[in-house]
Amino acid sequence: KARGARLGNPRNAREAAALGRSVQTEEAERFAANVLPVILSIQSA
Protein backbone atom coordinates (compact mmCIF):
# COMPACT_ATOMS: atom_id res chain seq x y z
CA LYS A 1 0.00 0.00 0.00
CA ALA A 2 2.88 2.36 0.78
CA ARG A 3 4.24 1.73 -2.72
CA GLY A 4 0.88 2.74 -4.19
CA ALA A 5 -0.65 -0.68 -4.84
CA ARG A 6 -4.45 -0.74 -4.83
CA LEU A 7 -5.82 -3.02 -2.12
CA GLY A 8 -9.34 -4.00 -1.10
CA ASN A 9 -12.42 -5.52 -2.66
CA PRO A 10 -13.48 -3.79 -5.91
CA ARG A 11 -16.98 -5.28 -5.87
CA ASN A 12 -19.87 -2.89 -5.40
CA ALA A 13 -22.14 -3.07 -2.36
CA ARG A 14 -24.82 -5.16 -4.12
CA GLU A 15 -22.31 -7.78 -5.25
CA ALA A 16 -20.74 -7.87 -1.79
CA ALA A 17 -24.14 -8.36 -0.16
CA ALA A 18 -24.98 -11.18 -2.58
CA LEU A 19 -21.66 -12.84 -1.82
CA GLY A 20 -22.35 -12.53 1.90
CA ARG A 21 -25.75 -14.21 1.51
CA SER A 22 -24.17 -16.99 -0.51
CA VAL A 23 -21.57 -17.61 2.19
CA GLN A 24 -24.25 -17.67 4.90
CA THR A 25 -26.30 -20.18 2.90
CA GLU A 26 -23.27 -22.41 2.37
CA GLU A 27 -22.43 -22.30 6.08
CA ALA A 28 -26.02 -23.16 7.02
CA GLU A 29 -26.04 -26.12 4.61
CA ARG A 30 -22.69 -27.32 5.95
CA PHE A 31 -23.95 -27.13 9.52
CA ALA A 32 -27.12 -29.03 8.58
CA ALA A 33 -25.03 -31.73 6.89
CA ASN A 34 -22.99 -32.14 10.08
CA VAL A 35 -26.01 -32.34 12.40
CA LEU A 36 -28.18 -34.59 10.24
CA PRO A 37 -26.21 -37.81 11.01
CA VAL A 38 -26.60 -37.06 14.72
CA ILE A 39 -30.37 -36.70 14.30
CA LEU A 40 -30.52 -39.92 12.27
CA SER A 41 -28.68 -41.77 15.04
CA ILE A 42 -31.17 -40.36 17.56
CA GLN A 43 -34.08 -41.53 15.41
CA SER A 44 -32.51 -44.97 14.98
CA ALA A 45 -32.52 -45.26 18.78
PDB file of all heavy atoms in Angstrom:
ATOM      1  N   LYS A   1       0.830  -1.203   0.000  1.00  0.00           N
ATOM      2  CA  LYS A   1       0.000   0.000   0.000  1.00  0.00           C
ATOM      3  C   LYS A   1       0.861   1.248   0.000  1.00  0.00           C
ATOM      4  O   LYS A   1       0.550   2.244  -0.679  1.00  0.00           O
ATOM      5  CB  LYS A   1      -0.916  -0.003   1.225  1.00  0.00           C
ATOM      6  CG  LYS A   1      -1.925   1.130   1.229  1.00  0.00           C
ATOM      7  CD  LYS A   1      -2.881   1.000   2.406  1.00  0.00           C
ATOM      8  CE  LYS A   1      -3.922   2.116   2.381  1.00  0.00           C
ATOM      9  NZ  LYS A   1      -4.874   1.985   3.518  1.00  0.00           N
ATOM     10  N   ALA A   2       1.968   1.215   0.731  1.00  0.00           N
ATOM     11  CA  ALA A   2       2.877   2.360   0.784  1.00  0.00           C
ATOM     12  C   ALA A   2       3.510   2.628  -0.578  1.00  0.00           C
ATOM     13  O   ALA A   2       3.836   3.777  -0.909  1.00  0.00           O
ATOM     14  CB  ALA A   2       3.959   2.115   1.836  1.00  0.00           C
ATOM     15  N   ARG A   3       3.657   1.559  -1.372  1.00  0.00           N
ATOM     16  CA  ARG A   3       4.239   1.730  -2.718  1.00  0.00           C
ATOM     17  C   ARG A   3       3.186   2.113  -3.751  1.00  0.00           C
ATOM     18  O   ARG A   3       3.471   2.202  -4.931  1.00  0.00           O
ATOM     19  CB  ARG A   3       4.933   0.437  -3.143  1.00  0.00           C
ATOM     20  CG  ARG A   3       6.197   0.126  -2.339  1.00  0.00           C
ATOM     21  CD  ARG A   3       7.044  -0.932  -3.035  1.00  0.00           C
ATOM     22  NE  ARG A   3       6.338  -2.205  -3.149  1.00  0.00           N
ATOM     23  CZ  ARG A   3       6.449  -3.183  -2.261  1.00  0.00           C
ATOM     24  NH1 ARG A   3       7.214  -3.022  -1.190  1.00  0.00           N
ATOM     25  NH2 ARG A   3       5.798  -4.313  -2.438  1.00  0.00           N
ATOM     26  N   GLY A   4       1.921   2.284  -3.286  1.00  0.00           N
ATOM     27  CA  GLY A   4       0.878   2.737  -4.187  1.00  0.00           C
ATOM     28  C   GLY A   4       0.012   1.650  -4.777  1.00  0.00           C
ATOM     29  O   GLY A   4      -0.834   1.935  -5.642  1.00  0.00           O
ATOM     30  N   ALA A   5       0.185   0.420  -4.322  1.00  0.00           N
ATOM     31  CA  ALA A   5      -0.646  -0.676  -4.842  1.00  0.00           C
ATOM     32  C   ALA A   5      -2.074  -0.506  -4.340  1.00  0.00           C
ATOM     33  O   ALA A   5      -2.303  -0.069  -3.211  1.00  0.00           O
ATOM     34  CB  ALA A   5      -0.079  -2.018  -4.399  1.00  0.00           C
ATOM     35  N   ARG A   6      -3.043  -0.858  -5.182  1.00  0.00           N
ATOM     36  CA  ARG A   6      -4.450  -0.739  -4.828  1.00  0.00           C
ATOM     37  C   ARG A   6      -4.900  -2.019  -4.128  1.00  0.00           C
ATOM     38  O   ARG A   6      -4.825  -3.104  -4.685  1.00  0.00           O
ATOM     39  CB  ARG A   6      -5.301  -0.491  -6.074  1.00  0.00           C
ATOM     40  CG  ARG A   6      -6.771  -0.253  -5.764  1.00  0.00           C
ATOM     41  CD  ARG A   6      -7.547   0.003  -7.041  1.00  0.00           C
ATOM     42  NE  ARG A   6      -8.964   0.211  -6.771  1.00  0.00           N
ATOM     43  CZ  ARG A   6      -9.876   0.401  -7.716  1.00  0.00           C
ATOM     44  NH1 ARG A   6      -9.505   0.409  -8.999  1.00  0.00           N
ATOM     45  NH2 ARG A   6     -11.136   0.583  -7.392  1.00  0.00           N
ATOM     46  N   LEU A   7      -5.366  -1.874  -2.903  1.00  0.00           N
ATOM     47  CA  LEU A   7      -5.823  -3.017  -2.122  1.00  0.00           C
ATOM     48  C   LEU A   7      -7.324  -2.923  -1.897  1.00  0.00           C
ATOM     49  O   LEU A   7      -7.933  -1.883  -2.109  1.00  0.00           O
ATOM     50  CB  LEU A   7      -5.107  -3.058  -0.765  1.00  0.00           C
ATOM     51  CG  LEU A   7      -3.574  -3.062  -0.808  1.00  0.00           C
ATOM     52  CD1 LEU A   7      -3.015  -3.025   0.601  1.00  0.00           C
ATOM     53  CD2 LEU A   7      -3.053  -4.274  -1.559  1.00  0.00           C
ATOM     54  N   GLY A   8      -7.909  -4.015  -1.435  1.00  0.00           N
ATOM     55  CA  GLY A   8      -9.339  -3.997  -1.101  1.00  0.00           C
ATOM     56  C   GLY A   8     -10.181  -4.727  -2.122  1.00  0.00           C
ATOM     57  O   GLY A   8      -9.713  -5.162  -3.173  1.00  0.00           O
ATOM     58  N   ASN A   9     -11.449  -4.807  -1.835  1.00  0.00           N
ATOM     59  CA  ASN A   9     -12.415  -5.523  -2.659  1.00  0.00           C
ATOM     60  C   ASN A   9     -13.080  -4.553  -3.626  1.00  0.00           C
ATOM     61  O   ASN A   9     -13.767  -3.618  -3.200  1.00  0.00           O
ATOM     62  CB  ASN A   9     -13.470  -6.170  -1.759  1.00  0.00           C
ATOM     63  CG  ASN A   9     -14.419  -7.058  -2.552  1.00  0.00           C
ATOM     64  OD1 ASN A   9     -14.367  -7.094  -3.769  1.00  0.00           O
ATOM     65  ND2 ASN A   9     -15.270  -7.774  -1.848  1.00  0.00           N
ATOM     66  N   PRO A  10     -12.906  -4.715  -4.937  1.00  0.00           N
ATOM     67  CA  PRO A  10     -13.484  -3.785  -5.915  1.00  0.00           C
ATOM     68  C   PRO A  10     -14.971  -3.995  -6.165  1.00  0.00           C
ATOM     69  O   PRO A  10     -15.574  -3.225  -6.891  1.00  0.00           O
ATOM     70  CB  PRO A  10     -12.659  -4.078  -7.176  1.00  0.00           C
ATOM     71  CG  PRO A  10     -12.311  -5.530  -7.051  1.00  0.00           C
ATOM     72  CD  PRO A  10     -12.100  -5.761  -5.572  1.00  0.00           C
ATOM     73  N   ARG A  11     -15.565  -5.038  -5.603  1.00  0.00           N
ATOM     74  CA  ARG A  11     -16.976  -5.279  -5.868  1.00  0.00           C
ATOM     75  C   ARG A  11     -17.836  -4.158  -5.292  1.00  0.00           C
ATOM     76  O   ARG A  11     -17.527  -3.587  -4.264  1.00  0.00           O
ATOM     77  CB  ARG A  11     -17.423  -6.606  -5.256  1.00  0.00           C
ATOM     78  CG  ARG A  11     -16.774  -7.841  -5.855  1.00  0.00           C
ATOM     79  CD  ARG A  11     -17.386  -9.075  -5.213  1.00  0.00           C
ATOM     80  NE  ARG A  11     -16.869 -10.306  -5.779  1.00  0.00           N
ATOM     81  CZ  ARG A  11     -15.801 -10.936  -5.317  1.00  0.00           C
ATOM     82  NH1 ARG A  11     -15.146 -10.430  -4.289  1.00  0.00           N
ATOM     83  NH2 ARG A  11     -15.378 -12.047  -5.878  1.00  0.00           N
ATOM     84  N   ASN A  12     -18.958  -3.891  -5.940  1.00  0.00           N
ATOM     85  CA  ASN A  12     -19.872  -2.886  -5.398  1.00  0.00           C
ATOM     86  C   ASN A  12     -20.672  -3.480  -4.243  1.00  0.00           C
ATOM     87  O   ASN A  12     -20.597  -4.671  -3.961  1.00  0.00           O
ATOM     88  CB  ASN A  12     -20.793  -2.331  -6.498  1.00  0.00           C
ATOM     89  CG  ASN A  12     -21.656  -3.414  -7.128  1.00  0.00           C
ATOM     90  OD1 ASN A  12     -22.063  -4.355  -6.461  1.00  0.00           O
ATOM     91  ND2 ASN A  12     -21.931  -3.254  -8.418  1.00  0.00           N
ATOM     92  N   ALA A  13     -21.440  -2.643  -3.571  1.00  0.00           N
ATOM     93  CA  ALA A  13     -22.144  -3.070  -2.358  1.00  0.00           C
ATOM     94  C   ALA A  13     -23.135  -4.188  -2.642  1.00  0.00           C
ATOM     95  O   ALA A  13     -23.288  -5.118  -1.849  1.00  0.00           O
ATOM     96  CB  ALA A  13     -22.867  -1.872  -1.743  1.00  0.00           C
ATOM     97  N   ARG A  14     -23.838  -4.124  -3.800  1.00  0.00           N
ATOM     98  CA  ARG A  14     -24.822  -5.160  -4.122  1.00  0.00           C
ATOM     99  C   ARG A  14     -24.152  -6.511  -4.314  1.00  0.00           C
ATOM    100  O   ARG A  14     -24.635  -7.528  -3.822  1.00  0.00           O
ATOM    101  CB  ARG A  14     -25.586  -4.766  -5.380  1.00  0.00           C
ATOM    102  CG  ARG A  14     -26.653  -5.787  -5.792  1.00  0.00           C
ATOM    103  CD  ARG A  14     -27.433  -5.316  -6.991  1.00  0.00           C
ATOM    104  NE  ARG A  14     -28.144  -4.078  -6.718  1.00  0.00           N
ATOM    105  CZ  ARG A  14     -28.867  -3.414  -7.632  1.00  0.00           C
ATOM    106  NH1 ARG A  14     -28.961  -3.888  -8.867  1.00  0.00           N
ATOM    107  NH2 ARG A  14     -29.485  -2.290  -7.309  1.00  0.00           N
ATOM    108  N   GLU A  15     -23.028  -6.520  -5.034  1.00  0.00           N
ATOM    109  CA  GLU A  15     -22.309  -7.776  -5.251  1.00  0.00           C
ATOM    110  C   GLU A  15     -21.765  -8.329  -3.944  1.00  0.00           C
ATOM    111  O   GLU A  15     -21.795  -9.544  -3.695  1.00  0.00           O
ATOM    112  CB  GLU A  15     -21.178  -7.565  -6.249  1.00  0.00           C
ATOM    113  CG  GLU A  15     -21.659  -7.286  -7.671  1.00  0.00           C
ATOM    114  CD  GLU A  15     -20.514  -6.911  -8.585  1.00  0.00           C
ATOM    115  OE1 GLU A  15     -19.516  -6.342  -8.077  1.00  0.00           O
ATOM    116  OE2 GLU A  15     -20.598  -7.179  -9.787  1.00  0.00           O
ATOM    117  N   ALA A  16     -21.278  -7.441  -3.082  1.00  0.00           N
ATOM    118  CA  ALA A  16     -20.744  -7.868  -1.792  1.00  0.00           C
ATOM    119  C   ALA A  16     -21.841  -8.468  -0.920  1.00  0.00           C
ATOM    120  O   ALA A  16     -21.636  -9.474  -0.234  1.00  0.00           O
ATOM    121  CB  ALA A  16     -20.082  -6.692  -1.075  1.00  0.00           C
ATOM    122  N   ALA A  17     -23.021  -7.841  -0.955  1.00  0.00           N
ATOM    123  CA  ALA A  17     -24.143  -8.360  -0.164  1.00  0.00           C
ATOM    124  C   ALA A  17     -24.568  -9.730  -0.669  1.00  0.00           C
ATOM    125  O   ALA A  17     -24.863 -10.636   0.118  1.00  0.00           O
ATOM    126  CB  ALA A  17     -25.309  -7.387  -0.223  1.00  0.00           C
ATOM    127  N   ALA A  18     -24.608  -9.889  -2.004  1.00  0.00           N
ATOM    128  CA  ALA A  18     -24.979 -11.184  -2.585  1.00  0.00           C
ATOM    129  C   ALA A  18     -23.973 -12.248  -2.203  1.00  0.00           C
ATOM    130  O   ALA A  18     -24.337 -13.390  -1.897  1.00  0.00           O
ATOM    131  CB  ALA A  18     -25.071 -11.062  -4.107  1.00  0.00           C
ATOM    132  N   LEU A  19     -22.700 -11.898  -2.205  1.00  0.00           N
ATOM    133  CA  LEU A  19     -21.660 -12.842  -1.817  1.00  0.00           C
ATOM    134  C   LEU A  19     -21.821 -13.237  -0.357  1.00  0.00           C
ATOM    135  O   LEU A  19     -21.674 -14.409   0.003  1.00  0.00           O
ATOM    136  CB  LEU A  19     -20.282 -12.221  -2.049  1.00  0.00           C
ATOM    137  CG  LEU A  19     -19.079 -13.085  -1.660  1.00  0.00           C
ATOM    138  CD1 LEU A  19     -19.054 -14.369  -2.477  1.00  0.00           C
ATOM    139  CD2 LEU A  19     -17.771 -12.310  -1.855  1.00  0.00           C
ATOM    140  N   GLY A  20     -22.151 -12.242   0.478  1.00  0.00           N
ATOM    141  CA  GLY A  20     -22.351 -12.531   1.899  1.00  0.00           C
ATOM    142  C   GLY A  20     -23.502 -13.496   2.127  1.00  0.00           C
ATOM    143  O   GLY A  20     -23.404 -14.416   2.940  1.00  0.00           O
ATOM    144  N   ARG A  21     -24.612 -13.304   1.394  1.00  0.00           N
ATOM    145  CA  ARG A  21     -25.752 -14.213   1.513  1.00  0.00           C
ATOM    146  C   ARG A  21     -25.386 -15.615   1.055  1.00  0.00           C
ATOM    147  O   ARG A  21     -25.824 -16.610   1.647  1.00  0.00           O
ATOM    148  CB  ARG A  21     -26.944 -13.676   0.719  1.00  0.00           C
ATOM    149  CG  ARG A  21     -27.601 -12.442   1.339  1.00  0.00           C
ATOM    150  CD  ARG A  21     -28.914 -12.146   0.655  1.00  0.00           C
ATOM    151  NE  ARG A  21     -28.742 -11.794  -0.748  1.00  0.00           N
ATOM    152  CZ  ARG A  21     -28.544 -10.554  -1.196  1.00  0.00           C
ATOM    153  NH1 ARG A  21     -28.483  -9.547  -0.334  1.00  0.00           N
ATOM    154  NH2 ARG A  21     -28.402 -10.324  -2.486  1.00  0.00           N
ATOM    155  N   SER A  22     -24.591 -15.692  -0.007  1.00  0.00           N
ATOM    156  CA  SER A  22     -24.171 -16.992  -0.514  1.00  0.00           C
ATOM    157  C   SER A  22     -23.323 -17.731   0.513  1.00  0.00           C
ATOM    158  O   SER A  22     -23.484 -18.937   0.719  1.00  0.00           O
ATOM    159  CB  SER A  22     -23.380 -16.817  -1.813  1.00  0.00           C
ATOM    160  OG  SER A  22     -22.863 -18.053  -2.267  1.00  0.00           O
ATOM    161  N   VAL A  23     -22.428 -17.004   1.165  1.00  0.00           N
ATOM    162  CA  VAL A  23     -21.569 -17.607   2.190  1.00  0.00           C
ATOM    163  C   VAL A  23     -22.407 -18.092   3.362  1.00  0.00           C
ATOM    164  O   VAL A  23     -22.189 -19.192   3.892  1.00  0.00           O
ATOM    165  CB  VAL A  23     -20.505 -16.605   2.663  1.00  0.00           C
ATOM    166  CG1 VAL A  23     -19.759 -17.132   3.895  1.00  0.00           C
ATOM    167  CG2 VAL A  23     -19.507 -16.310   1.546  1.00  0.00           C
ATOM    168  N   GLN A  24     -23.391 -17.281   3.787  1.00  0.00           N
ATOM    169  CA  GLN A  24     -24.253 -17.671   4.896  1.00  0.00           C
ATOM    170  C   GLN A  24     -25.045 -18.934   4.565  1.00  0.00           C
ATOM    171  O   GLN A  24     -25.215 -19.818   5.404  1.00  0.00           O
ATOM    172  CB  GLN A  24     -25.206 -16.526   5.246  1.00  0.00           C
ATOM    173  CG  GLN A  24     -24.522 -15.337   5.909  1.00  0.00           C
ATOM    174  CD  GLN A  24     -25.483 -14.200   6.177  1.00  0.00           C
ATOM    175  OE1 GLN A  24     -26.607 -14.189   5.676  1.00  0.00           O
ATOM    176  NE2 GLN A  24     -25.059 -13.233   6.968  1.00  0.00           N
ATOM    177  N   THR A  25     -25.550 -19.003   3.315  1.00  0.00           N
ATOM    178  CA  THR A  25     -26.305 -20.178   2.896  1.00  0.00           C
ATOM    179  C   THR A  25     -25.421 -21.421   2.902  1.00  0.00           C
ATOM    180  O   THR A  25     -25.827 -22.495   3.361  1.00  0.00           O
ATOM    181  CB  THR A  25     -26.890 -19.966   1.491  1.00  0.00           C
ATOM    182  OG1 THR A  25     -27.772 -18.840   1.515  1.00  0.00           O
ATOM    183  CG2 THR A  25     -27.657 -21.203   1.021  1.00  0.00           C
ATOM    184  N   GLU A  26     -24.200 -21.275   2.404  1.00  0.00           N
ATOM    185  CA  GLU A  26     -23.270 -22.408   2.365  1.00  0.00           C
ATOM    186  C   GLU A  26     -22.939 -22.881   3.780  1.00  0.00           C
ATOM    187  O   GLU A  26     -22.884 -24.090   4.043  1.00  0.00           O
ATOM    188  CB  GLU A  26     -21.985 -22.011   1.639  1.00  0.00           C
ATOM    189  CG  GLU A  26     -20.982 -23.158   1.514  1.00  0.00           C
ATOM    190  CD  GLU A  26     -19.731 -22.750   0.768  1.00  0.00           C
ATOM    191  OE1 GLU A  26     -19.738 -21.676   0.132  1.00  0.00           O
ATOM    192  OE2 GLU A  26     -18.746 -23.500   0.821  1.00  0.00           O
ATOM    193  N   GLU A  27     -22.736 -21.935   4.700  1.00  0.00           N
ATOM    194  CA  GLU A  27     -22.427 -22.302   6.079  1.00  0.00           C
ATOM    195  C   GLU A  27     -23.606 -23.015   6.734  1.00  0.00           C
ATOM    196  O   GLU A  27     -23.425 -23.989   7.478  1.00  0.00           O
ATOM    197  CB  GLU A  27     -22.057 -21.052   6.888  1.00  0.00           C
ATOM    198  CG  GLU A  27     -20.705 -20.453   6.502  1.00  0.00           C
ATOM    199  CD  GLU A  27     -20.373 -19.227   7.313  1.00  0.00           C
ATOM    200  OE1 GLU A  27     -21.274 -18.727   8.033  1.00  0.00           O
ATOM    201  OE2 GLU A  27     -19.222 -18.769   7.246  1.00  0.00           O
ATOM    202  N   ALA A  28     -24.828 -22.523   6.447  1.00  0.00           N
ATOM    203  CA  ALA A  28     -26.024 -23.155   7.016  1.00  0.00           C
ATOM    204  C   ALA A  28     -26.182 -24.579   6.491  1.00  0.00           C
ATOM    205  O   ALA A  28     -26.527 -25.499   7.245  1.00  0.00           O
ATOM    206  CB  ALA A  28     -27.258 -22.325   6.690  1.00  0.00           C
ATOM    207  N   GLU A  29     -25.932 -24.781   5.198  1.00  0.00           N
ATOM    208  CA  GLU A  29     -26.041 -26.115   4.613  1.00  0.00           C
ATOM    209  C   GLU A  29     -24.966 -27.045   5.168  1.00  0.00           C
ATOM    210  O   GLU A  29     -25.216 -28.228   5.402  1.00  0.00           O
ATOM    211  CB  GLU A  29     -25.938 -26.023   3.087  1.00  0.00           C
ATOM    212  CG  GLU A  29     -27.143 -25.348   2.442  1.00  0.00           C
ATOM    213  CD  GLU A  29     -26.989 -25.192   0.947  1.00  0.00           C
ATOM    214  OE1 GLU A  29     -25.874 -25.447   0.447  1.00  0.00           O
ATOM    215  OE2 GLU A  29     -27.972 -24.810   0.282  1.00  0.00           O
ATOM    216  N   ARG A  30     -23.771 -26.512   5.380  1.00  0.00           N
ATOM    217  CA  ARG A  30     -22.693 -27.322   5.947  1.00  0.00           C
ATOM    218  C   ARG A  30     -23.026 -27.743   7.372  1.00  0.00           C
ATOM    219  O   ARG A  30     -22.807 -28.892   7.762  1.00  0.00           O
ATOM    220  CB  ARG A  30     -21.374 -26.550   5.917  1.00  0.00           C
ATOM    221  CG  ARG A  30     -20.185 -27.354   6.432  1.00  0.00           C
ATOM    222  CD  ARG A  30     -18.858 -26.679   6.128  1.00  0.00           C
ATOM    223  NE  ARG A  30     -18.686 -25.460   6.870  1.00  0.00           N
ATOM    224  CZ  ARG A  30     -18.584 -24.245   6.333  1.00  0.00           C
ATOM    225  NH1 ARG A  30     -18.680 -24.100   5.029  1.00  0.00           N
ATOM    226  NH2 ARG A  30     -18.403 -23.179   7.080  1.00  0.00           N
ATOM    227  N   PHE A  31     -23.574 -26.810   8.144  1.00  0.00           N
ATOM    228  CA  PHE A  31     -23.953 -27.134   9.521  1.00  0.00           C
ATOM    229  C   PHE A  31     -25.042 -28.199   9.534  1.00  0.00           C
ATOM    230  O   PHE A  31     -24.990 -29.151  10.317  1.00  0.00           O
ATOM    231  CB  PHE A  31     -24.432 -25.871  10.237  1.00  0.00           C
ATOM    232  CG  PHE A  31     -24.814 -26.101  11.682  1.00  0.00           C
ATOM    233  CD1 PHE A  31     -23.847 -26.138  12.664  1.00  0.00           C
ATOM    234  CD2 PHE A  31     -26.137 -26.275  12.044  1.00  0.00           C
ATOM    235  CE1 PHE A  31     -24.191 -26.369  13.989  1.00  0.00           C
ATOM    236  CE2 PHE A  31     -26.497 -26.500  13.362  1.00  0.00           C
ATOM    237  CZ  PHE A  31     -25.514 -26.540  14.340  1.00  0.00           C
ATOM    238  N   ALA A  32     -26.030 -28.049   8.653  1.00  0.00           N
ATOM    239  CA  ALA A  32     -27.122 -29.032   8.584  1.00  0.00           C
ATOM    240  C   ALA A  32     -26.575 -30.407   8.214  1.00  0.00           C
ATOM    241  O   ALA A  32     -27.013 -31.430   8.764  1.00  0.00           O
ATOM    242  CB  ALA A  32     -28.163 -28.575   7.565  1.00  0.00           C
ATOM    243  N   ALA A  33     -25.612 -30.449   7.299  1.00  0.00           N
ATOM    244  CA  ALA A  33     -25.029 -31.728   6.889  1.00  0.00           C
ATOM    245  C   ALA A  33     -24.293 -32.390   8.048  1.00  0.00           C
ATOM    246  O   ALA A  33     -24.258 -33.624   8.145  1.00  0.00           O
ATOM    247  CB  ALA A  33     -24.081 -31.510   5.705  1.00  0.00           C
ATOM    248  N   ASN A  34     -23.706 -31.592   8.934  1.00  0.00           N
ATOM    249  CA  ASN A  34     -22.992 -32.143  10.084  1.00  0.00           C
ATOM    250  C   ASN A  34     -23.939 -32.655  11.161  1.00  0.00           C
ATOM    251  O   ASN A  34     -23.656 -33.645  11.834  1.00  0.00           O
ATOM    252  CB  ASN A  34     -22.067 -31.079  10.696  1.00  0.00           C
ATOM    253  CG  ASN A  34     -20.824 -30.843   9.861  1.00  0.00           C
ATOM    254  OD1 ASN A  34     -20.361 -31.748   9.179  1.00  0.00           O
ATOM    255  ND2 ASN A  34     -20.296 -29.639   9.900  1.00  0.00           N
ATOM    256  N   VAL A  35     -25.078 -31.964  11.338  1.00  0.00           N
ATOM    257  CA  VAL A  35     -26.010 -32.337  12.402  1.00  0.00           C
ATOM    258  C   VAL A  35     -26.916 -33.483  11.982  1.00  0.00           C
ATOM    259  O   VAL A  35     -27.334 -34.301  12.830  1.00  0.00           O
ATOM    260  CB  VAL A  35     -26.864 -31.119  12.824  1.00  0.00           C
ATOM    261  CG1 VAL A  35     -27.896 -31.519  13.880  1.00  0.00           C
ATOM    262  CG2 VAL A  35     -25.982 -30.019  13.385  1.00  0.00           C
ATOM    263  N   LEU A  36     -27.230 -33.577  10.703  1.00  0.00           N
ATOM    264  CA  LEU A  36     -28.183 -34.590  10.243  1.00  0.00           C
ATOM    265  C   LEU A  36     -27.808 -36.010  10.667  1.00  0.00           C
ATOM    266  O   LEU A  36     -28.680 -36.754  11.131  1.00  0.00           O
ATOM    267  CB  LEU A  36     -28.334 -34.515   8.719  1.00  0.00           C
ATOM    268  CG  LEU A  36     -29.395 -35.457   8.117  1.00  0.00           C
ATOM    269  CD1 LEU A  36     -30.762 -35.170   8.711  1.00  0.00           C
ATOM    270  CD2 LEU A  36     -29.419 -35.325   6.600  1.00  0.00           C
ATOM    271  N   PRO A  37     -26.534 -36.446  10.543  1.00  0.00           N
ATOM    272  CA  PRO A  37     -26.208 -37.809  11.005  1.00  0.00           C
ATOM    273  C   PRO A  37     -26.477 -38.010  12.491  1.00  0.00           C
ATOM    274  O   PRO A  37     -26.836 -39.115  12.915  1.00  0.00           O
ATOM    275  CB  PRO A  37     -24.707 -37.938  10.691  1.00  0.00           C
ATOM    276  CG  PRO A  37     -24.470 -36.962   9.583  1.00  0.00           C
ATOM    277  CD  PRO A  37     -25.370 -35.812   9.894  1.00  0.00           C
ATOM    278  N   VAL A  38     -26.312 -36.957  13.287  1.00  0.00           N
ATOM    279  CA  VAL A  38     -26.599 -37.057  14.716  1.00  0.00           C
ATOM    280  C   VAL A  38     -28.095 -37.285  14.932  1.00  0.00           C
ATOM    281  O   VAL A  38     -28.502 -38.123  15.742  1.00  0.00           O
ATOM    282  CB  VAL A  38     -26.135 -35.783  15.459  1.00  0.00           C
ATOM    283  CG1 VAL A  38     -26.420 -35.904  16.959  1.00  0.00           C
ATOM    284  CG2 VAL A  38     -24.653 -35.523  15.225  1.00  0.00           C
ATOM    285  N   ILE A  39     -28.920 -36.537  14.187  1.00  0.00           N
ATOM    286  CA  ILE A  39     -30.372 -36.700  14.296  1.00  0.00           C
ATOM    287  C   ILE A  39     -30.795 -38.093  13.840  1.00  0.00           C
ATOM    288  O   ILE A  39     -31.656 -38.733  14.459  1.00  0.00           O
ATOM    289  CB  ILE A  39     -31.093 -35.610  13.476  1.00  0.00           C
ATOM    290  CG1 ILE A  39     -30.846 -34.233  14.105  1.00  0.00           C
ATOM    291  CG2 ILE A  39     -32.593 -35.893  13.395  1.00  0.00           C
ATOM    292  CD1 ILE A  39     -31.487 -33.091  13.354  1.00  0.00           C
ATOM    293  N   LEU A  40     -30.181 -38.580  12.762  1.00  0.00           N
ATOM    294  CA  LEU A  40     -30.518 -39.918  12.270  1.00  0.00           C
ATOM    295  C   LEU A  40     -30.171 -40.989  13.307  1.00  0.00           C
ATOM    296  O   LEU A  40     -30.918 -41.968  13.471  1.00  0.00           O
ATOM    297  CB  LEU A  40     -29.778 -40.191  10.954  1.00  0.00           C
ATOM    298  CG  LEU A  40     -30.217 -39.345   9.751  1.00  0.00           C
ATOM    299  CD1 LEU A  40     -29.367 -39.653   8.534  1.00  0.00           C
ATOM    300  CD2 LEU A  40     -31.689 -39.568   9.441  1.00  0.00           C
ATOM    301  N   SER A  41     -29.046 -40.802  14.007  1.00  0.00           N
ATOM    302  CA  SER A  41     -28.682 -41.774  15.041  1.00  0.00           C
ATOM    303  C   SER A  41     -29.661 -41.718  16.212  1.00  0.00           C
ATOM    304  O   SER A  41     -29.974 -42.744  16.824  1.00  0.00           O
ATOM    305  CB  SER A  41     -27.253 -41.501  15.532  1.00  0.00           C
ATOM    306  OG  SER A  41     -27.181 -40.310  16.277  1.00  0.00           O
ATOM    307  N   ILE A  42     -30.156 -40.512  16.497  1.00  0.00           N
ATOM    308  CA  ILE A  42     -31.168 -40.364  17.556  1.00  0.00           C
ATOM    309  C   ILE A  42     -32.451 -41.067  17.155  1.00  0.00           C
ATOM    310  O   ILE A  42     -33.068 -41.792  17.944  1.00  0.00           O
ATOM    311  CB  ILE A  42     -31.426 -38.864  17.832  1.00  0.00           C
ATOM    312  CG1 ILE A  42     -30.204 -38.229  18.499  1.00  0.00           C
ATOM    313  CG2 ILE A  42     -32.664 -38.673  18.713  1.00  0.00           C
ATOM    314  CD1 ILE A  42     -30.296 -36.719  18.630  1.00  0.00           C
ATOM    315  N   GLN A  43     -32.859 -40.880  15.900  1.00  0.00           N
ATOM    316  CA  GLN A  43     -34.075 -41.528  15.412  1.00  0.00           C
ATOM    317  C   GLN A  43     -33.927 -43.047  15.378  1.00  0.00           C
ATOM    318  O   GLN A  43     -34.876 -43.777  15.663  1.00  0.00           O
ATOM    319  CB  GLN A  43     -34.429 -40.988  14.022  1.00  0.00           C
ATOM    320  CG  GLN A  43     -34.876 -39.527  14.029  1.00  0.00           C
ATOM    321  CD  GLN A  43     -35.099 -38.987  12.634  1.00  0.00           C
ATOM    322  OE1 GLN A  43     -34.369 -39.348  11.697  1.00  0.00           O
ATOM    323  NE2 GLN A  43     -36.083 -38.113  12.474  1.00  0.00           N
ATOM    324  N   SER A  44     -32.728 -43.511  15.033  1.00  0.00           N
ATOM    325  CA  SER A  44     -32.509 -44.965  14.984  1.00  0.00           C
ATOM    326  C   SER A  44     -32.588 -45.597  16.365  1.00  0.00           C
ATOM    327  O   SER A  44     -32.800 -46.804  16.493  1.00  0.00           O
ATOM    328  CB  SER A  44     -31.149 -45.273  14.351  1.00  0.00           C
ATOM    329  OG  SER A  44     -30.096 -44.818  15.186  1.00  0.00           O
ATOM    330  N   ALA A  45     -32.414 -44.766  17.407  1.00  0.00           N
ATOM    331  CA  ALA A  45     -32.522 -45.261  18.778  1.00  0.00           C
ATOM    332  C   ALA A  45     -33.977 -45.301  19.248  1.00  0.00           C
ATOM    333  O   ALA A  45     -34.251 -45.614  20.409  1.00  0.00           O
ATOM    334  CB  ALA A  45     -31.693 -44.398  19.712  1.00  0.00           C
TER     335      ALA A  45
END
